[in-house]
Amino acid sequence: MPRFIDLTLPVVPGMRGVSTEPAFTKAKDGWNASTWHLYSHSGTHMDAPVHFDAGPGTIDQTPLSTCFGPAWVIRLTPCPQQALLTSDSLGVVKFQLLPGDSLLLHTGWSAHVSNPDVYRDAMPRISEELARWMVERGVKMLGVEPPSVADVNNLPEVTLIHEILLGGNVTIVEGLTNLDQLTSDRVLFGALPLKLQNSDGSPVRAFAIEGIAPDALTA
């Protein structure tokens, strides 16, 4: 029986770039509806190449086939603050990964989401070596728990890592949660963005499926 695990942070008014207000109410208008204001990189989200001018691709141009497929779960807990992750951090997966596979890095970082001093300012980061390795090996999607793959307080670093990955056709999904609920080392992973025309990114509903052969769709 397939098991679905939601890997998405709730989108909550008051979180970075998010607010909401009533648009209609049942009492006054006959139905309830809200107006939401969403930062394109709020919560669990996907980056498009245009986010760092790493290419012309926008989020609405991202093929659905890019948003779903087999993924390796890399368990890195406990992960030190500001850890610099390399290809050796992947363990045996470094030698098992096939082109088109995705990577989910379980660092436990989503536990710090309510503490921005740690969540944003002390996050584990992707090294230049690992970013280039992923491009060379044809990784489809990289999913991480922190709000970024690199230090958001270091513009040269965050620019370089995004340019390497996005320019090398590695789709980035940031802000994952619940990776501790995954029991398999290999799962089906999906992250579905809103089809926002010409956008540099979008919040996503990210999920994993266990109990189905991860390579079923590629066999």
N, C-alpha and C. Protein backbone atom coordinates (compact mmCIF):
# COMPACT_ATOMS: atom_id res chain seq x y z
N MET A 1 0.86 -1.20 0.00
CA MET A 1 0.00 0.00 0.00
C MET A 1 0.89 1.24 0.00
N PRO A 2 0.72 2.14 -0.95
CA PRO A 2 1.55 3.36 -0.99
C PRO A 2 1.34 4.21 0.26
N ARG A 3 2.39 4.83 0.69
CA ARG A 3 2.35 5.74 1.84
C ARG A 3 2.79 7.11 1.38
N PHE A 4 1.93 8.12 1.57
CA PHE A 4 2.23 9.49 1.17
C PHE A 4 2.70 10.27 2.39
N ILE A 5 3.82 10.97 2.25
CA ILE A 5 4.36 11.80 3.33
C ILE A 5 4.44 13.24 2.84
N ASP A 6 3.73 14.12 3.51
CA ASP A 6 3.73 15.55 3.15
C ASP A 6 5.03 16.18 3.64
N LEU A 7 5.78 16.77 2.73
CA LEU A 7 7.08 17.38 3.05
C LEU A 7 7.01 18.91 3.01
N THR A 8 5.81 19.45 3.16
CA THR A 8 5.57 20.87 2.95
C THR A 8 5.33 21.62 4.25
N LEU A 9 6.00 22.75 4.43
CA LEU A 9 5.70 23.62 5.55
C LEU A 9 4.34 24.29 5.34
N PRO A 10 3.54 24.44 6.40
CA PRO A 10 2.29 25.22 6.25
C PRO A 10 2.61 26.66 5.87
N VAL A 11 1.82 27.22 4.97
CA VAL A 11 1.95 28.64 4.62
C VAL A 11 1.09 29.43 5.60
N VAL A 12 1.75 30.19 6.45
CA VAL A 12 1.08 30.84 7.57
C VAL A 12 1.24 32.36 7.46
N PRO A 13 0.16 33.12 7.54
CA PRO A 13 0.30 34.58 7.55
C PRO A 13 1.26 35.01 8.66
N GLY A 14 2.16 35.90 8.31
CA GLY A 14 3.16 36.35 9.25
C GLY A 14 4.52 35.77 8.98
N MET A 15 4.57 34.61 8.27
CA MET A 15 5.87 34.10 7.87
C MET A 15 6.43 35.01 6.77
N ARG A 16 7.69 34.88 6.48
CA ARG A 16 8.36 35.80 5.57
C ARG A 16 7.63 35.90 4.23
N GLY A 17 7.13 37.11 3.93
CA GLY A 17 6.50 37.37 2.64
C GLY A 17 5.07 36.90 2.51
N VAL A 18 4.41 36.57 3.62
CA VAL A 18 3.06 36.01 3.55
C VAL A 18 2.09 36.83 4.39
N SER A 19 0.99 37.23 3.78
CA SER A 19 -0.10 37.87 4.52
C SER A 19 -1.41 37.53 3.82
N THR A 20 -2.51 37.71 4.54
CA THR A 20 -3.81 37.41 3.97
C THR A 20 -4.86 38.35 4.54
N GLU A 21 -5.93 38.48 3.80
CA GLU A 21 -7.04 39.32 4.26
C GLU A 21 -8.32 38.78 3.65
N PRO A 22 -9.47 38.95 4.32
CA PRO A 22 -10.73 38.47 3.76
C PRO A 22 -11.06 39.22 2.47
N ALA A 23 -11.53 38.48 1.48
CA ALA A 23 -12.03 39.09 0.25
C ALA A 23 -13.55 39.08 0.23
N PHE A 24 -14.14 37.98 0.69
CA PHE A 24 -15.59 37.83 0.78
C PHE A 24 -15.89 37.01 2.03
N THR A 25 -17.05 37.20 2.59
CA THR A 25 -17.47 36.40 3.74
C THR A 25 -18.85 35.81 3.47
N LYS A 26 -19.10 34.66 4.09
CA LYS A 26 -20.38 34.00 3.92
C LYS A 26 -21.51 34.90 4.43
N ALA A 27 -21.27 35.57 5.56
CA ALA A 27 -22.32 36.39 6.15
C ALA A 27 -22.69 37.57 5.26
N LYS A 28 -21.70 38.17 4.63
CA LYS A 28 -21.95 39.39 3.84
C LYS A 28 -22.19 39.11 2.36
N ASP A 29 -21.41 38.15 1.81
CA ASP A 29 -21.41 37.96 0.36
C ASP A 29 -21.98 36.62 -0.10
N GLY A 30 -22.13 35.70 0.84
CA GLY A 30 -22.69 34.40 0.46
C GLY A 30 -21.66 33.31 0.37
N TRP A 31 -20.38 33.64 0.45
CA TRP A 31 -19.30 32.63 0.44
C TRP A 31 -18.06 33.23 1.11
N ASN A 32 -17.16 32.35 1.51
CA ASN A 32 -15.89 32.77 2.10
C ASN A 32 -14.78 32.67 1.07
N ALA A 33 -13.97 33.70 0.97
CA ALA A 33 -12.80 33.70 0.10
C ALA A 33 -11.79 34.70 0.66
N SER A 34 -10.51 34.43 0.39
CA SER A 34 -9.44 35.26 0.94
C SER A 34 -8.51 35.74 -0.16
N THR A 35 -7.87 36.86 0.09
CA THR A 35 -6.79 37.35 -0.77
C THR A 35 -5.47 37.07 -0.06
N TRP A 36 -4.60 36.33 -0.74
CA TRP A 36 -3.29 35.98 -0.18
C TRP A 36 -2.20 36.74 -0.90
N HIS A 37 -1.22 37.21 -0.14
CA HIS A 37 -0.03 37.85 -0.69
C HIS A 37 1.14 36.92 -0.39
N LEU A 38 1.76 36.37 -1.44
CA LEU A 38 2.79 35.36 -1.28
C LEU A 38 4.09 35.80 -1.94
N TYR A 39 5.15 35.84 -1.16
CA TYR A 39 6.51 35.96 -1.70
C TYR A 39 6.79 34.70 -2.50
N SER A 40 7.39 34.81 -3.65
CA SER A 40 7.57 33.66 -4.55
C SER A 40 8.49 32.60 -3.97
N HIS A 41 9.22 32.93 -2.91
CA HIS A 41 10.12 31.96 -2.28
C HIS A 41 9.76 31.76 -0.81
N SER A 42 8.48 31.83 -0.51
CA SER A 42 8.03 31.64 0.87
C SER A 42 7.81 30.16 1.15
N GLY A 43 8.08 29.77 2.41
CA GLY A 43 7.83 28.41 2.82
C GLY A 43 8.59 27.40 1.97
N THR A 44 7.94 26.28 1.72
CA THR A 44 8.52 25.25 0.84
C THR A 44 8.32 25.70 -0.60
N HIS A 45 9.40 25.86 -1.33
CA HIS A 45 9.30 26.50 -2.65
C HIS A 45 10.32 25.96 -3.64
N MET A 46 10.09 26.26 -4.90
CA MET A 46 10.97 25.86 -5.99
C MET A 46 11.54 27.10 -6.65
N ASP A 47 12.83 27.03 -6.99
CA ASP A 47 13.51 28.12 -7.70
C ASP A 47 13.49 27.85 -9.20
N ALA A 48 13.30 28.88 -9.98
CA ALA A 48 13.45 28.81 -11.43
C ALA A 48 14.81 29.40 -11.81
N PRO A 49 15.38 29.03 -12.95
CA PRO A 49 16.69 29.55 -13.35
C PRO A 49 16.77 31.07 -13.36
N VAL A 50 15.67 31.75 -13.71
CA VAL A 50 15.69 33.21 -13.79
C VAL A 50 15.87 33.85 -12.41
N HIS A 51 15.67 33.07 -11.35
CA HIS A 51 15.83 33.58 -9.98
C HIS A 51 17.21 34.21 -9.79
N PHE A 52 18.25 33.59 -10.38
CA PHE A 52 19.60 34.15 -10.31
C PHE A 52 20.18 34.40 -11.69
N ASP A 53 19.27 34.59 -12.67
CA ASP A 53 19.71 34.79 -14.06
C ASP A 53 20.67 33.69 -14.50
N ALA A 54 20.39 32.46 -14.04
CA ALA A 54 21.20 31.31 -14.44
C ALA A 54 20.71 30.72 -15.76
N GLY A 55 19.68 31.30 -16.30
CA GLY A 55 19.07 30.86 -17.55
C GLY A 55 17.75 31.57 -17.71
N PRO A 56 17.11 31.43 -18.86
CA PRO A 56 15.86 32.15 -19.12
C PRO A 56 14.63 31.48 -18.55
N GLY A 57 14.76 30.27 -18.02
CA GLY A 57 13.61 29.50 -17.59
C GLY A 57 12.85 30.12 -16.43
N THR A 58 11.53 30.19 -16.55
CA THR A 58 10.66 30.69 -15.49
C THR A 58 9.87 29.52 -14.92
N ILE A 59 9.23 29.73 -13.80
CA ILE A 59 8.60 28.61 -13.09
C ILE A 59 7.48 27.99 -13.90
N ASP A 60 6.75 28.78 -14.69
CA ASP A 60 5.66 28.23 -15.49
C ASP A 60 6.16 27.40 -16.66
N GLN A 61 7.45 27.53 -16.97
CA GLN A 61 8.04 26.74 -18.05
C GLN A 61 8.63 25.43 -17.55
N THR A 62 8.59 25.20 -16.23
CA THR A 62 9.14 23.97 -15.68
C THR A 62 8.25 22.80 -16.05
N PRO A 63 8.77 21.80 -16.77
CA PRO A 63 7.93 20.66 -17.17
C PRO A 63 7.49 19.86 -15.95
N LEU A 64 6.28 19.32 -15.98
CA LEU A 64 5.81 18.49 -14.89
C LEU A 64 6.72 17.28 -14.69
N SER A 65 7.32 16.80 -15.77
CA SER A 65 8.21 15.64 -15.65
C SER A 65 9.43 15.95 -14.79
N THR A 66 9.78 17.23 -14.70
CA THR A 66 10.89 17.65 -13.86
C THR A 66 10.52 17.63 -12.39
N CYS A 67 9.24 17.68 -12.09
CA CYS A 67 8.75 17.87 -10.72
C CYS A 67 8.44 16.57 -9.99
N PHE A 68 8.77 15.42 -10.59
CA PHE A 68 8.39 14.15 -9.99
C PHE A 68 9.35 13.07 -10.45
N GLY A 69 9.75 12.19 -9.51
CA GLY A 69 10.62 11.09 -9.89
C GLY A 69 11.32 10.47 -8.70
N PRO A 70 12.17 9.46 -8.95
CA PRO A 70 12.87 8.78 -7.87
C PRO A 70 13.88 9.68 -7.19
N ALA A 71 13.99 9.54 -5.87
CA ALA A 71 14.92 10.36 -5.10
C ALA A 71 15.59 9.51 -4.02
N TRP A 72 16.84 9.85 -3.75
CA TRP A 72 17.58 9.25 -2.63
C TRP A 72 17.41 10.14 -1.40
N VAL A 73 17.20 9.52 -0.25
CA VAL A 73 17.12 10.24 1.02
C VAL A 73 18.49 10.13 1.70
N ILE A 74 19.14 11.28 1.88
CA ILE A 74 20.47 11.32 2.48
C ILE A 74 20.32 11.78 3.93
N ARG A 75 20.64 10.92 4.87
CA ARG A 75 20.44 11.22 6.29
C ARG A 75 21.72 11.82 6.87
N LEU A 76 21.61 13.09 7.26
CA LEU A 76 22.78 13.86 7.70
C LEU A 76 22.64 14.36 9.13
N THR A 77 21.67 13.85 9.86
CA THR A 77 21.46 14.30 11.24
C THR A 77 22.35 13.50 12.20
N PRO A 78 22.83 14.16 13.26
CA PRO A 78 22.72 15.60 13.53
C PRO A 78 23.67 16.38 12.63
N CYS A 79 23.19 17.50 12.13
CA CYS A 79 23.98 18.31 11.20
C CYS A 79 24.45 19.58 11.91
N PRO A 80 25.76 19.85 11.95
CA PRO A 80 26.26 21.05 12.63
C PRO A 80 25.79 22.33 11.93
N GLN A 81 25.70 23.40 12.68
CA GLN A 81 25.39 24.69 12.10
C GLN A 81 26.47 25.08 11.09
N GLN A 82 26.01 25.67 9.98
CA GLN A 82 26.87 26.16 8.91
C GLN A 82 27.74 25.07 8.28
N ALA A 83 27.30 23.81 8.40
CA ALA A 83 28.05 22.72 7.79
C ALA A 83 28.16 22.93 6.29
N LEU A 84 29.31 22.62 5.73
CA LEU A 84 29.54 22.72 4.29
C LEU A 84 29.50 21.30 3.73
N LEU A 85 28.46 20.97 2.98
CA LEU A 85 28.23 19.62 2.50
C LEU A 85 28.97 19.37 1.19
N THR A 86 29.61 18.22 1.10
CA THR A 86 30.37 17.84 -0.08
C THR A 86 29.80 16.55 -0.67
N SER A 87 30.35 16.10 -1.77
CA SER A 87 29.87 14.85 -2.36
C SER A 87 30.12 13.67 -1.43
N ASP A 88 31.16 13.76 -0.60
CA ASP A 88 31.41 12.69 0.37
C ASP A 88 30.31 12.60 1.42
N SER A 89 29.55 13.69 1.62
CA SER A 89 28.45 13.69 2.58
C SER A 89 27.33 12.75 2.13
N LEU A 90 27.32 12.36 0.87
CA LEU A 90 26.27 11.51 0.33
C LEU A 90 26.48 10.04 0.65
N GLY A 91 27.64 9.69 1.20
CA GLY A 91 27.92 8.29 1.52
C GLY A 91 27.93 7.43 0.28
N VAL A 92 27.34 6.23 0.39
CA VAL A 92 27.38 5.28 -0.73
C VAL A 92 26.55 5.75 -1.92
N VAL A 93 25.62 6.67 -1.68
CA VAL A 93 24.80 7.18 -2.79
C VAL A 93 25.67 7.90 -3.81
N LYS A 94 26.80 8.40 -3.37
CA LYS A 94 27.73 9.05 -4.31
C LYS A 94 28.08 8.12 -5.46
N PHE A 95 28.07 6.81 -5.20
CA PHE A 95 28.46 5.84 -6.23
C PHE A 95 27.25 5.13 -6.84
N GLN A 96 26.06 5.34 -6.27
CA GLN A 96 24.86 4.65 -6.74
C GLN A 96 23.95 5.53 -7.57
N LEU A 97 24.07 6.84 -7.43
CA LEU A 97 23.16 7.76 -8.10
C LEU A 97 23.25 7.64 -9.62
N LEU A 98 22.09 7.66 -10.25
CA LEU A 98 22.00 7.60 -11.70
C LEU A 98 21.49 8.92 -12.25
N PRO A 99 21.82 9.28 -13.48
CA PRO A 99 21.28 10.50 -14.08
C PRO A 99 19.76 10.51 -14.01
N GLY A 100 19.18 11.63 -13.59
CA GLY A 100 17.74 11.74 -13.46
C GLY A 100 17.23 11.47 -12.06
N ASP A 101 18.10 10.95 -11.18
CA ASP A 101 17.72 10.80 -9.78
C ASP A 101 17.70 12.16 -9.09
N SER A 102 16.92 12.26 -8.02
CA SER A 102 16.90 13.46 -7.19
C SER A 102 17.51 13.15 -5.83
N LEU A 103 17.84 14.20 -5.08
CA LEU A 103 18.44 14.06 -3.75
C LEU A 103 17.61 14.84 -2.73
N LEU A 104 17.31 14.22 -1.61
CA LEU A 104 16.65 14.87 -0.48
C LEU A 104 17.60 14.82 0.69
N LEU A 105 18.06 15.99 1.15
CA LEU A 105 19.05 16.05 2.21
C LEU A 105 18.36 16.26 3.55
N HIS A 106 18.34 15.21 4.36
CA HIS A 106 17.69 15.27 5.67
C HIS A 106 18.71 15.74 6.71
N THR A 107 18.67 17.03 7.01
CA THR A 107 19.57 17.63 8.00
C THR A 107 18.89 17.90 9.32
N GLY A 108 17.56 17.73 9.37
CA GLY A 108 16.80 18.07 10.56
C GLY A 108 16.58 19.56 10.73
N TRP A 109 16.88 20.34 9.68
CA TRP A 109 16.87 21.80 9.82
C TRP A 109 15.48 22.39 9.96
N SER A 110 14.46 21.68 9.52
CA SER A 110 13.10 22.23 9.63
C SER A 110 12.68 22.38 11.09
N ALA A 111 13.37 21.71 12.02
CA ALA A 111 13.07 21.86 13.44
C ALA A 111 13.35 23.28 13.93
N HIS A 112 14.15 24.04 13.15
CA HIS A 112 14.54 25.40 13.55
C HIS A 112 13.70 26.47 12.87
N VAL A 113 12.61 26.09 12.20
CA VAL A 113 11.89 27.05 11.37
C VAL A 113 11.36 28.24 12.17
N SER A 114 11.07 28.04 13.45
CA SER A 114 10.56 29.14 14.26
C SER A 114 11.67 29.97 14.90
N ASN A 115 12.91 29.62 14.61
CA ASN A 115 14.08 30.35 15.15
C ASN A 115 14.92 30.87 13.99
N PRO A 116 14.59 32.04 13.46
CA PRO A 116 15.29 32.53 12.26
C PRO A 116 16.78 32.72 12.45
N ASP A 117 17.23 32.97 13.67
CA ASP A 117 18.66 33.14 13.90
C ASP A 117 19.44 31.88 13.55
N VAL A 118 18.79 30.73 13.67
CA VAL A 118 19.42 29.47 13.30
C VAL A 118 18.96 29.05 11.90
N TYR A 119 17.64 29.09 11.68
CA TYR A 119 17.07 28.58 10.43
C TYR A 119 17.65 29.28 9.21
N ARG A 120 17.77 30.61 9.27
CA ARG A 120 18.27 31.38 8.13
C ARG A 120 19.76 31.70 8.22
N ASP A 121 20.26 31.89 9.44
CA ASP A 121 21.60 32.44 9.58
C ASP A 121 22.68 31.41 9.90
N ALA A 122 22.28 30.15 10.16
CA ALA A 122 23.29 29.14 10.51
C ALA A 122 23.07 27.84 9.74
N MET A 123 22.42 27.93 8.60
CA MET A 123 22.01 26.75 7.85
C MET A 123 23.19 25.97 7.27
N PRO A 124 23.04 24.64 7.14
CA PRO A 124 24.02 23.86 6.36
C PRO A 124 23.94 24.28 4.90
N ARG A 125 25.07 24.22 4.22
CA ARG A 125 25.14 24.76 2.84
C ARG A 125 25.72 23.73 1.88
N ILE A 126 25.38 23.92 0.62
CA ILE A 126 25.93 23.11 -0.45
C ILE A 126 27.27 23.70 -0.88
N SER A 127 28.32 22.90 -0.88
CA SER A 127 29.63 23.38 -1.32
C SER A 127 29.67 23.52 -2.84
N GLU A 128 30.61 24.30 -3.32
CA GLU A 128 30.79 24.42 -4.77
C GLU A 128 31.11 23.06 -5.37
N GLU A 129 31.93 22.27 -4.67
CA GLU A 129 32.29 20.94 -5.17
C GLU A 129 31.06 20.07 -5.34
N LEU A 130 30.16 20.06 -4.33
CA LEU A 130 28.95 19.24 -4.42
C LEU A 130 28.01 19.76 -5.50
N ALA A 131 27.88 21.07 -5.63
CA ALA A 131 27.02 21.63 -6.67
C ALA A 131 27.49 21.19 -8.06
N ARG A 132 28.78 21.29 -8.29
CA ARG A 132 29.32 20.89 -9.61
C ARG A 132 29.19 19.38 -9.81
N TRP A 133 29.36 18.61 -8.75
CA TRP A 133 29.21 17.16 -8.84
C TRP A 133 27.78 16.80 -9.25
N MET A 134 26.78 17.48 -8.65
CA MET A 134 25.38 17.20 -8.99
C MET A 134 25.08 17.52 -10.44
N VAL A 135 25.64 18.60 -10.94
CA VAL A 135 25.43 18.94 -12.35
C VAL A 135 26.07 17.88 -13.24
N GLU A 136 27.28 17.48 -12.91
CA GLU A 136 27.98 16.47 -13.72
C GLU A 136 27.26 15.13 -13.70
N ARG A 137 26.63 14.80 -12.57
CA ARG A 137 25.95 13.50 -12.46
C ARG A 137 24.51 13.55 -12.92
N GLY A 138 24.01 14.70 -13.32
CA GLY A 138 22.66 14.79 -13.88
C GLY A 138 21.55 14.68 -12.85
N VAL A 139 21.76 15.24 -11.65
CA VAL A 139 20.70 15.24 -10.63
C VAL A 139 19.51 16.05 -11.15
N LYS A 140 18.31 15.52 -10.98
CA LYS A 140 17.11 16.21 -11.45
C LYS A 140 16.67 17.31 -10.49
N MET A 141 16.40 16.91 -9.23
CA MET A 141 15.97 17.87 -8.21
C MET A 141 16.83 17.71 -6.96
N LEU A 142 17.12 18.83 -6.34
CA LEU A 142 17.78 18.85 -5.04
C LEU A 142 16.80 19.42 -4.04
N GLY A 143 16.45 18.64 -3.02
CA GLY A 143 15.54 19.10 -1.99
C GLY A 143 16.27 19.27 -0.67
N VAL A 144 16.15 20.45 -0.06
CA VAL A 144 16.83 20.75 1.20
C VAL A 144 15.83 21.30 2.22
N GLU A 145 16.17 21.19 3.50
CA GLU A 145 15.29 21.71 4.56
C GLU A 145 15.48 23.20 4.83
N PRO A 146 16.70 23.74 4.78
CA PRO A 146 16.85 25.19 5.01
C PRO A 146 16.14 25.99 3.92
N PRO A 147 15.98 27.29 4.13
CA PRO A 147 15.30 28.13 3.14
C PRO A 147 16.14 28.44 1.92
N SER A 148 17.39 27.95 1.90
CA SER A 148 18.27 28.19 0.77
C SER A 148 19.31 27.07 0.71
N VAL A 149 19.90 26.89 -0.46
CA VAL A 149 20.98 25.91 -0.59
C VAL A 149 22.33 26.49 -0.18
N ALA A 150 22.38 27.79 0.07
CA ALA A 150 23.64 28.45 0.42
C ALA A 150 23.35 29.60 1.38
N ASP A 151 24.40 30.16 1.93
CA ASP A 151 24.30 31.19 2.96
C ASP A 151 23.64 32.45 2.40
N VAL A 152 22.42 32.74 2.89
CA VAL A 152 21.69 33.90 2.38
C VAL A 152 22.34 35.22 2.80
N ASN A 153 23.26 35.16 3.76
CA ASN A 153 23.95 36.37 4.21
C ASN A 153 25.28 36.57 3.49
N ASN A 154 25.58 35.69 2.55
CA ASN A 154 26.82 35.76 1.78
C ASN A 154 26.44 35.78 0.31
N LEU A 155 26.29 36.98 -0.25
CA LEU A 155 25.79 37.11 -1.62
C LEU A 155 26.66 36.38 -2.64
N PRO A 156 27.99 36.49 -2.59
CA PRO A 156 28.79 35.74 -3.57
C PRO A 156 28.56 34.23 -3.49
N GLU A 157 28.46 33.70 -2.26
CA GLU A 157 28.24 32.25 -2.12
C GLU A 157 26.87 31.85 -2.62
N VAL A 158 25.83 32.53 -2.18
CA VAL A 158 24.48 32.13 -2.55
C VAL A 158 24.26 32.29 -4.06
N THR A 159 24.90 33.29 -4.65
CA THR A 159 24.80 33.49 -6.10
C THR A 159 25.51 32.37 -6.85
N LEU A 160 26.74 32.04 -6.44
CA LEU A 160 27.51 31.02 -7.13
C LEU A 160 26.81 29.67 -7.10
N ILE A 161 26.34 29.24 -5.93
CA ILE A 161 25.74 27.92 -5.82
C ILE A 161 24.44 27.85 -6.63
N HIS A 162 23.63 28.88 -6.57
CA HIS A 162 22.41 28.88 -7.38
C HIS A 162 22.73 28.90 -8.88
N GLU A 163 23.72 29.67 -9.27
CA GLU A 163 24.07 29.73 -10.69
C GLU A 163 24.55 28.38 -11.19
N ILE A 164 25.35 27.69 -10.38
CA ILE A 164 25.85 26.37 -10.80
C ILE A 164 24.69 25.39 -10.94
N LEU A 165 23.86 25.29 -9.92
CA LEU A 165 22.78 24.31 -9.93
C LEU A 165 21.71 24.64 -10.96
N LEU A 166 21.18 25.85 -10.90
CA LEU A 166 20.11 26.21 -11.83
C LEU A 166 20.60 26.27 -13.27
N GLY A 167 21.84 26.75 -13.45
CA GLY A 167 22.41 26.78 -14.79
C GLY A 167 22.74 25.41 -15.33
N GLY A 168 22.85 24.43 -14.43
CA GLY A 168 23.16 23.05 -14.81
C GLY A 168 21.95 22.14 -14.80
N ASN A 169 20.75 22.72 -14.83
CA ASN A 169 19.49 21.98 -14.93
C ASN A 169 19.17 21.14 -13.69
N VAL A 170 19.68 21.57 -12.53
CA VAL A 170 19.28 20.95 -11.27
C VAL A 170 18.20 21.83 -10.66
N THR A 171 16.99 21.32 -10.56
CA THR A 171 15.89 22.08 -9.99
C THR A 171 16.01 22.08 -8.47
N ILE A 172 15.89 23.26 -7.86
CA ILE A 172 16.09 23.43 -6.42
C ILE A 172 14.73 23.54 -5.72
N VAL A 173 14.55 22.72 -4.67
CA VAL A 173 13.38 22.82 -3.80
C VAL A 173 13.90 23.07 -2.38
N GLU A 174 13.49 24.18 -1.79
CA GLU A 174 13.99 24.59 -0.48
C GLU A 174 12.85 24.64 0.53
N GLY A 175 13.19 24.51 1.82
CA GLY A 175 12.18 24.61 2.87
C GLY A 175 11.39 23.34 3.10
N LEU A 176 11.98 22.17 2.85
CA LEU A 176 11.27 20.92 3.10
C LEU A 176 11.14 20.65 4.61
N THR A 177 10.21 19.80 4.95
CA THR A 177 10.04 19.36 6.34
C THR A 177 9.59 17.91 6.34
N ASN A 178 9.56 17.30 7.53
CA ASN A 178 9.08 15.93 7.73
C ASN A 178 9.94 14.86 7.07
N LEU A 179 11.17 15.18 6.72
CA LEU A 179 12.03 14.16 6.13
C LEU A 179 12.35 13.06 7.15
N ASP A 180 12.20 13.38 8.43
CA ASP A 180 12.43 12.36 9.46
C ASP A 180 11.36 11.27 9.43
N GLN A 181 10.25 11.51 8.74
CA GLN A 181 9.18 10.52 8.65
C GLN A 181 9.42 9.49 7.55
N LEU A 182 10.44 9.72 6.73
CA LEU A 182 10.74 8.78 5.65
C LEU A 182 11.50 7.59 6.22
N THR A 183 11.04 6.39 5.89
CA THR A 183 11.69 5.18 6.38
C THR A 183 12.53 4.50 5.30
N SER A 184 12.33 4.87 4.06
CA SER A 184 13.07 4.27 2.94
C SER A 184 14.22 5.18 2.52
N ASP A 185 15.24 4.56 1.96
CA ASP A 185 16.37 5.33 1.46
C ASP A 185 16.13 5.85 0.04
N ARG A 186 15.11 5.31 -0.60
CA ARG A 186 14.78 5.71 -1.96
C ARG A 186 13.27 5.80 -2.08
N VAL A 187 12.77 6.93 -2.55
CA VAL A 187 11.34 7.21 -2.59
C VAL A 187 10.98 7.84 -3.92
N LEU A 188 9.69 7.99 -4.16
CA LEU A 188 9.23 8.87 -5.22
C LEU A 188 9.00 10.24 -4.61
N PHE A 189 9.53 11.27 -5.25
CA PHE A 189 9.45 12.63 -4.72
C PHE A 189 8.77 13.53 -5.73
N GLY A 190 7.86 14.36 -5.23
CA GLY A 190 7.20 15.33 -6.09
C GLY A 190 7.16 16.70 -5.43
N ALA A 191 7.25 17.73 -6.24
CA ALA A 191 7.14 19.12 -5.76
C ALA A 191 6.46 19.91 -6.86
N LEU A 192 5.22 20.32 -6.62
CA LEU A 192 4.38 20.90 -7.67
C LEU A 192 4.19 22.39 -7.44
N PRO A 193 4.79 23.23 -8.31
CA PRO A 193 4.67 24.69 -8.16
C PRO A 193 3.39 25.22 -8.80
N LEU A 194 2.97 26.38 -8.34
CA LEU A 194 1.91 27.10 -9.04
C LEU A 194 2.43 27.53 -10.41
N LYS A 195 1.54 27.60 -11.37
CA LYS A 195 1.95 27.99 -12.73
C LYS A 195 1.87 29.51 -12.84
N LEU A 196 2.84 30.17 -12.21
CA LEU A 196 2.90 31.63 -12.17
C LEU A 196 3.68 32.14 -13.38
N GLN A 197 3.01 32.85 -14.24
CA GLN A 197 3.63 33.26 -15.50
C GLN A 197 4.84 34.14 -15.25
N ASN A 198 5.97 33.76 -15.85
CA ASN A 198 7.22 34.51 -15.82
C ASN A 198 7.80 34.66 -14.41
N SER A 199 7.41 33.80 -13.49
CA SER A 199 7.88 33.94 -12.11
C SER A 199 9.25 33.29 -11.92
N ASP A 200 9.99 33.83 -10.95
CA ASP A 200 11.32 33.32 -10.60
C ASP A 200 11.24 32.15 -9.62
N GLY A 201 10.05 31.83 -9.13
CA GLY A 201 9.88 30.72 -8.20
C GLY A 201 8.44 30.62 -7.78
N SER A 202 8.16 29.62 -6.94
CA SER A 202 6.80 29.44 -6.47
C SER A 202 6.78 28.55 -5.24
N PRO A 203 5.87 28.83 -4.29
CA PRO A 203 5.60 27.83 -3.27
C PRO A 203 5.16 26.52 -3.94
N VAL A 204 5.48 25.39 -3.30
CA VAL A 204 5.11 24.09 -3.85
C VAL A 204 4.43 23.25 -2.78
N ARG A 205 3.70 22.23 -3.21
CA ARG A 205 3.27 21.15 -2.33
C ARG A 205 4.23 20.00 -2.60
N ALA A 206 5.11 19.75 -1.66
CA ALA A 206 6.12 18.71 -1.80
C ALA A 206 5.69 17.46 -1.04
N PHE A 207 6.01 16.30 -1.59
CA PHE A 207 5.59 15.05 -0.96
C PHE A 207 6.50 13.92 -1.41
N ALA A 208 6.49 12.86 -0.62
CA ALA A 208 7.19 11.63 -0.99
C ALA A 208 6.21 10.48 -0.93
N ILE A 209 6.45 9.46 -1.74
CA ILE A 209 5.64 8.25 -1.74
C ILE A 209 6.55 7.06 -1.48
N GLU A 210 6.20 6.30 -0.44
CA GLU A 210 6.87 5.05 -0.16
C GLU A 210 5.92 3.90 -0.46
N GLY A 211 6.47 2.74 -0.75
CA GLY A 211 5.63 1.59 -1.03
C GLY A 211 5.39 1.34 -2.50
N ILE A 212 5.96 2.18 -3.36
CA ILE A 212 5.94 1.99 -4.82
C ILE A 212 7.38 1.98 -5.28
N ALA A 213 7.73 1.08 -6.16
CA ALA A 213 9.10 1.03 -6.66
C ALA A 213 9.48 2.39 -7.22
N PRO A 214 10.51 3.05 -6.67
CA PRO A 214 10.85 4.40 -7.11
C PRO A 214 11.15 4.51 -8.59
N ASP A 215 11.61 3.42 -9.20
CA ASP A 215 11.95 3.47 -10.62
C ASP A 215 10.80 3.04 -11.53
N ALA A 216 9.61 2.90 -10.94
CA ALA A 216 8.47 2.41 -11.71
C ALA A 216 8.17 3.29 -12.91
N LEU A 217 8.32 4.61 -12.73
CA LEU A 217 7.97 5.54 -13.81
C LEU A 217 9.06 5.63 -14.87
N THR A 218 10.25 5.14 -14.56
CA THR A 218 11.36 5.26 -15.51
C THR A 218 11.76 3.92 -16.09
N ALA A 219 11.11 2.85 -15.64
CA ALA A 219 11.45 1.50 -16.12
C ALA A 219 10.98 1.31 -17.56
